[in-house]
Amino acid sequence: MTFASVVAAFLMAEIALAAIMGLAWSVERATGQTGWIDAVWTFGVGVTGAVLAVLPLGDGDGAGWRRAAVAVAVALWALRLGGHVVARTLKTPDDPRYRKMIQAWGDAASLQLFTFLQIQALAGAALAVSVALAAHAGSPTFGIRDGMGLILFVIALGGEAAADAQLARFKADPARRGEICDVGLWAWSRHPNYVCEWLVWVGFAITASVDAIGVLAWLAPALMYWTLRYASGVPPLEEHMLRTRPEAFRAYQQRTPLFFPRLF
């Protein structure tokens, strides 16, 4: 891809996701259920990324097999994560993170939420472009970067699914009621699902990194890390846990790393 085609891809993704997140805003305003926002965002990024992966973007367009493989990969990511969010929302329609923001915004909540979701659209466009860069990487043959990116993507997607399943089983156990999940991957990190989500985007960036333009794909894992670690991921969730189960969660904080597992 050329810089011009990257800009064009970003603009296409932004227009699509701005409309999609406008729909998410309308759903929340109509139903009062904030849980659907992340589901709409996830499916929107997945569809947009897959379309950019297979869409002709000029300058060689990359190998057809790589474009198809990357499109399938981002679709699998969206189906897995989006399906998980949908299942969670069907049980608990409200997301406490969004609800707290809406309450804090007061009378300005409608406009503030719309603005916030449009910022999410911008972030999603950056992720979709990283998918496009991976799909349209210039090398015509399967190389070491393709192998490394694929292996990491499979490990990360499987790890995220495993973390979510472990948490679900823990919550479903009546004997564990009121306790903090610290089994399986949750014994290694307080947010193993977030770690694996970040690694998904590292996998796409590795595949894309065949030239100077491809290096732009690293914006996706950088953005995802900042969002999960410092913005809408870890901080509000840890605040919620400290508010609802302070003693148990403080003990968990002391014995378990926040994000990256300890190697030694």
Protein backbone atom coordinates (compact mmCIF):
# COMPACT_ATOMS: atom_id res chain seq x y z
CA MET A 1 0.00 0.00 0.00
CA THR A 2 1.05 3.58 -0.59
CA PHE A 3 0.55 6.38 1.91
CA ALA A 4 -2.29 7.70 -0.25
CA SER A 5 -4.07 4.33 -0.20
CA VAL A 6 -3.63 4.13 3.58
CA VAL A 7 -5.28 7.55 3.93
CA ALA A 8 -8.09 6.48 1.58
CA ALA A 9 -8.61 3.28 3.59
CA PHE A 10 -8.75 5.24 6.83
CA LEU A 11 -11.32 7.66 5.43
CA MET A 12 -13.50 4.81 4.17
CA ALA A 13 -13.26 3.06 7.54
CA GLU A 14 -14.01 6.25 9.45
CA ILE A 15 -17.10 7.05 7.38
CA ALA A 16 -18.42 3.50 7.83
CA LEU A 17 -17.71 3.33 11.56
CA ALA A 18 -19.04 6.82 12.23
CA ALA A 19 -22.38 5.64 10.82
CA ILE A 20 -22.20 2.35 12.72
CA MET A 21 -21.47 4.05 16.04
CA GLY A 22 -24.25 6.52 15.31
CA LEU A 23 -26.49 3.45 15.15
CA ALA A 24 -25.08 2.24 18.48
CA TRP A 25 -25.93 5.62 20.00
CA SER A 26 -29.49 5.39 18.64
CA VAL A 27 -29.92 1.89 20.10
CA GLU A 28 -28.75 3.04 23.54
CA ARG A 29 -30.98 6.12 23.46
CA ALA A 30 -34.00 4.04 22.43
CA THR A 31 -33.50 1.13 24.83
CA GLY A 32 -31.43 2.59 27.67
CA GLN A 33 -29.24 -0.50 27.42
CA THR A 34 -25.53 0.34 27.20
CA GLY A 35 -24.35 -3.25 26.82
CA TRP A 36 -25.01 -3.28 23.07
CA ILE A 37 -22.49 -0.51 22.37
CA ASP A 38 -19.40 -2.73 22.48
CA ALA A 39 -21.12 -5.43 20.44
CA VAL A 40 -21.97 -2.96 17.67
CA TRP A 41 -18.42 -1.56 17.74
CA THR A 42 -16.81 -5.01 17.55
CA PHE A 43 -18.94 -6.23 14.64
CA GLY A 44 -18.47 -2.87 12.92
CA VAL A 45 -14.68 -3.03 13.14
CA GLY A 46 -14.72 -6.66 12.02
CA VAL A 47 -16.85 -6.02 8.94
CA THR A 48 -14.94 -2.85 8.03
CA GLY A 49 -11.57 -4.55 8.45
CA ALA A 50 -12.64 -7.58 6.39
CA VAL A 51 -13.94 -5.34 3.57
CA LEU A 52 -10.68 -3.35 3.49
CA ALA A 53 -8.74 -6.62 3.46
CA VAL A 54 -10.38 -7.89 0.28
CA LEU A 55 -11.05 -4.54 -1.39
CA PRO A 56 -8.59 -3.59 -4.18
CA LEU A 57 -6.53 -0.73 -2.80
CA GLY A 58 -3.99 -0.39 -5.61
CA ASP A 59 -0.20 -0.70 -5.86
CA GLY A 60 0.02 -4.45 -6.26
CA ASP A 61 -2.75 -5.19 -3.76
CA GLY A 62 -0.79 -7.97 -2.05
CA ALA A 63 -1.20 -11.71 -2.44
CA GLY A 64 -4.78 -12.94 -2.79
CA TRP A 65 -4.26 -15.73 -0.26
CA ARG A 66 -3.00 -13.25 2.37
CA ARG A 67 -5.93 -10.89 1.80
CA ALA A 68 -8.38 -13.77 2.22
CA ALA A 69 -6.59 -15.13 5.30
CA VAL A 70 -6.50 -11.75 7.03
CA ALA A 71 -10.18 -11.13 6.22
CA VAL A 72 -11.06 -14.50 7.79
CA ALA A 73 -8.90 -13.72 10.82
CA VAL A 74 -10.55 -10.38 11.58
CA ALA A 75 -13.98 -11.94 10.99
CA LEU A 76 -13.17 -14.69 13.51
CA TRP A 77 -12.01 -12.08 16.00
CA ALA A 78 -15.25 -10.10 15.59
CA LEU A 79 -17.48 -13.17 15.80
CA ARG A 80 -15.74 -14.46 18.92
CA LEU A 81 -15.58 -11.18 20.83
CA GLY A 82 -18.87 -9.80 19.50
CA GLY A 83 -20.66 -13.05 20.31
CA HIS A 84 -19.27 -12.96 23.83
CA VAL A 85 -20.47 -9.38 24.34
CA VAL A 86 -23.92 -10.22 22.95
CA ALA A 87 -24.26 -13.20 25.30
CA ARG A 88 -23.21 -11.03 28.24
CA THR A 89 -25.62 -8.25 27.28
CA LEU A 90 -28.55 -10.63 26.99
CA LYS A 91 -27.97 -11.53 30.64
CA THR A 92 -26.97 -8.06 31.87
CA PRO A 93 -28.14 -5.32 29.45
CA ASP A 94 -26.27 -2.50 31.19
CA ASP A 95 -22.50 -1.96 31.16
CA PRO A 96 -21.48 -0.31 34.46
CA ARG A 97 -18.65 1.63 32.78
CA TYR A 98 -20.97 3.37 30.33
CA ARG A 99 -23.69 3.81 32.92
CA LYS A 100 -21.33 5.64 35.27
CA MET A 101 -20.24 8.01 32.48
CA ILE A 102 -23.84 8.71 31.47
CA GLN A 103 -24.79 9.49 35.05
CA ALA A 104 -21.79 11.79 35.44
CA TRP A 105 -22.67 13.67 32.22
CA GLY A 106 -26.14 14.49 33.52
CA ASP A 107 -28.28 16.60 31.17
CA ALA A 108 -25.51 16.60 28.55
CA ALA A 109 -25.40 12.80 28.43
CA SER A 110 -26.93 12.41 24.98
CA LEU A 111 -24.44 14.68 23.20
CA GLN A 112 -21.50 13.51 25.30
CA LEU A 113 -22.26 9.86 24.57
CA PHE A 114 -22.57 10.57 20.84
CA THR A 115 -19.18 12.34 20.89
CA PHE A 116 -17.58 9.52 22.87
CA LEU A 117 -18.85 6.89 20.43
CA GLN A 118 -17.54 8.90 17.49
CA ILE A 119 -14.11 8.84 19.16
CA GLN A 120 -14.51 5.07 19.35
CA ALA A 121 -15.26 5.13 15.61
CA LEU A 122 -11.91 6.87 15.00
CA ALA A 123 -10.10 4.26 17.06
CA GLY A 124 -11.91 1.49 15.20
CA ALA A 125 -10.88 3.02 11.87
CA ALA A 126 -7.23 2.85 12.96
CA LEU A 127 -7.67 -0.84 13.82
CA ALA A 128 -9.35 -1.54 10.48
CA VAL A 129 -6.47 0.11 8.64
CA SER A 130 -3.98 -2.13 10.46
CA VAL A 131 -5.96 -5.09 9.13
CA ALA A 132 -5.76 -3.63 5.63
CA LEU A 133 -2.01 -3.15 5.95
CA ALA A 134 -1.59 -6.78 7.00
CA ALA A 135 -3.80 -8.00 4.16
CA HIS A 136 -2.06 -5.92 1.49
CA ALA A 137 1.52 -6.52 2.66
CA GLY A 138 3.77 -6.55 -0.37
CA SER A 139 5.46 -9.95 -0.08
CA PRO A 140 3.83 -12.44 -2.51
CA THR A 141 4.99 -15.55 -0.61
CA PHE A 142 4.34 -16.89 2.88
CA GLY A 143 7.17 -15.57 5.03
CA ILE A 144 8.38 -15.58 8.60
CA ARG A 145 6.27 -12.53 9.47
CA ASP A 146 3.14 -14.28 8.19
CA GLY A 147 3.96 -17.31 10.32
CA MET A 148 4.71 -15.28 13.43
CA GLY A 149 1.59 -13.14 13.01
CA LEU A 150 -0.63 -16.19 12.44
CA ILE A 151 0.74 -18.11 15.43
CA LEU A 152 0.38 -15.12 17.73
CA PHE A 153 -3.14 -14.42 16.48
CA VAL A 154 -4.26 -18.02 17.11
CA ILE A 155 -2.69 -18.06 20.59
CA ALA A 156 -4.21 -14.68 21.48
CA LEU A 157 -7.70 -15.50 20.19
CA GLY A 158 -7.66 -18.84 21.99
CA GLY A 159 -6.31 -17.27 25.16
CA GLU A 160 -9.00 -14.61 25.20
CA ALA A 161 -11.71 -17.22 24.70
CA ALA A 162 -10.17 -19.38 27.46
CA ALA A 163 -10.02 -16.43 29.88
CA ASP A 164 -13.67 -15.55 29.25
CA ALA A 165 -14.72 -19.20 29.67
CA GLN A 166 -12.76 -19.56 32.93
CA LEU A 167 -14.38 -16.42 34.33
CA ALA A 168 -17.85 -17.61 33.29
CA ARG A 169 -17.37 -21.01 34.96
CA PHE A 170 -16.08 -19.32 38.12
CA LYS A 171 -19.08 -16.99 38.32
CA ALA A 172 -21.48 -19.87 37.72
CA ASP A 173 -20.15 -21.85 40.71
CA PRO A 174 -22.41 -21.12 43.73
CA ALA A 175 -19.55 -22.01 46.08
CA ARG A 176 -17.52 -19.11 44.62
CA ARG A 177 -20.19 -16.45 45.08
CA GLY A 178 -18.64 -13.15 46.10
CA GLU A 179 -15.08 -14.31 45.44
CA ILE A 180 -12.59 -12.96 42.91
CA CYS A 181 -11.72 -15.21 39.97
CA ASP A 182 -8.06 -16.21 40.38
CA VAL A 183 -7.94 -19.52 38.54
CA GLY A 184 -6.37 -20.41 35.20
CA LEU A 185 -5.14 -17.38 33.30
CA TRP A 186 -6.61 -15.12 35.99
CA ALA A 187 -3.88 -16.31 38.36
CA TRP A 188 -1.27 -14.86 35.99
CA SER A 189 -2.87 -11.48 35.24
CA ARG A 190 -5.81 -9.52 36.62
CA HIS A 191 -6.90 -8.88 33.02
CA PRO A 192 -5.77 -11.82 30.85
CA ASN A 193 -8.59 -11.22 28.35
CA TYR A 194 -7.27 -7.69 27.77
CA VAL A 195 -3.71 -8.96 27.38
CA CYS A 196 -4.84 -11.43 24.74
CA GLU A 197 -6.95 -8.78 22.99
CA TRP A 198 -3.85 -6.60 22.73
CA LEU A 199 -1.85 -9.54 21.34
CA VAL A 200 -4.43 -10.05 18.57
CA TRP A 201 -3.49 -6.64 17.17
CA VAL A 202 0.21 -7.27 17.64
CA GLY A 203 -0.30 -10.28 15.37
CA PHE A 204 -1.80 -8.14 12.60
CA ALA A 205 1.02 -5.59 12.99
CA ILE A 206 3.71 -8.26 12.67
CA THR A 207 2.17 -9.51 9.43
CA ALA A 208 1.99 -5.96 8.04
CA SER A 209 5.58 -4.98 8.89
CA VAL A 210 7.24 -5.65 5.54
CA ASP A 211 8.02 -2.02 4.67
CA ALA A 212 7.89 1.51 6.04
CA ILE A 213 4.17 1.86 5.29
CA GLY A 214 3.39 -1.45 6.98
CA VAL A 215 4.97 -0.20 10.20
CA LEU A 216 1.95 2.11 10.53
CA ALA A 217 0.00 -1.00 11.57
CA TRP A 218 1.75 -0.83 14.95
CA LEU A 219 -0.53 2.09 15.75
CA ALA A 220 -3.27 -0.48 16.38
CA PRO A 221 -1.61 -2.39 19.26
CA ALA A 222 -0.28 0.89 20.68
CA LEU A 223 -3.79 2.36 20.65
CA MET A 224 -5.32 -0.83 22.01
CA TYR A 225 -2.80 -1.03 24.85
CA TRP A 226 -3.43 2.57 25.88
CA THR A 227 -7.20 2.12 25.70
CA LEU A 228 -7.25 -1.13 27.68
CA ARG A 229 -4.57 -0.26 30.21
CA TYR A 230 -5.21 3.42 30.85
CA ALA A 231 -8.64 4.42 29.51
CA SER A 232 -11.88 2.43 29.18
CA GLY A 233 -10.51 -1.00 30.12
CA VAL A 234 -8.56 -1.54 33.33
CA PRO A 235 -9.25 1.69 35.33
CA PRO A 236 -13.08 1.62 35.40
CA LEU A 237 -13.18 -2.15 35.91
CA GLU A 238 -10.74 -2.08 38.82
CA GLU A 239 -12.63 0.85 40.33
CA HIS A 240 -15.86 -1.15 40.07
CA MET A 241 -14.28 -4.20 41.73
CA LEU A 242 -12.80 -2.11 44.56
CA ARG A 243 -16.20 -0.52 45.14
CA THR A 244 -18.16 -3.79 45.18
CA ARG A 245 -15.64 -6.23 46.73
CA PRO A 246 -12.89 -4.09 48.28
CA GLU A 247 -11.14 -6.51 50.63
CA ALA A 248 -11.11 -9.50 48.27
CA PHE A 249 -9.98 -7.44 45.31
CA ARG A 250 -7.20 -5.67 47.23
CA ALA A 251 -5.83 -9.08 48.21
CA TYR A 252 -6.05 -10.14 44.56
CA GLN A 253 -4.20 -6.98 43.51
CA GLN A 254 -1.37 -7.76 45.90
CA ARG A 255 -0.74 -11.26 44.60
CA THR A 256 -1.52 -10.88 40.87
CA PRO A 257 0.08 -8.58 38.24
CA LEU A 258 -2.22 -5.96 36.73
CA PHE A 259 -1.58 -6.62 33.03
CA PHE A 260 1.54 -8.48 31.91
CA PRO A 261 2.21 -11.75 33.81
CA ARG A 262 5.43 -12.01 35.81
CA LEU A 263 7.95 -14.26 34.10
CA PHE A 264 10.04 -14.82 37.21
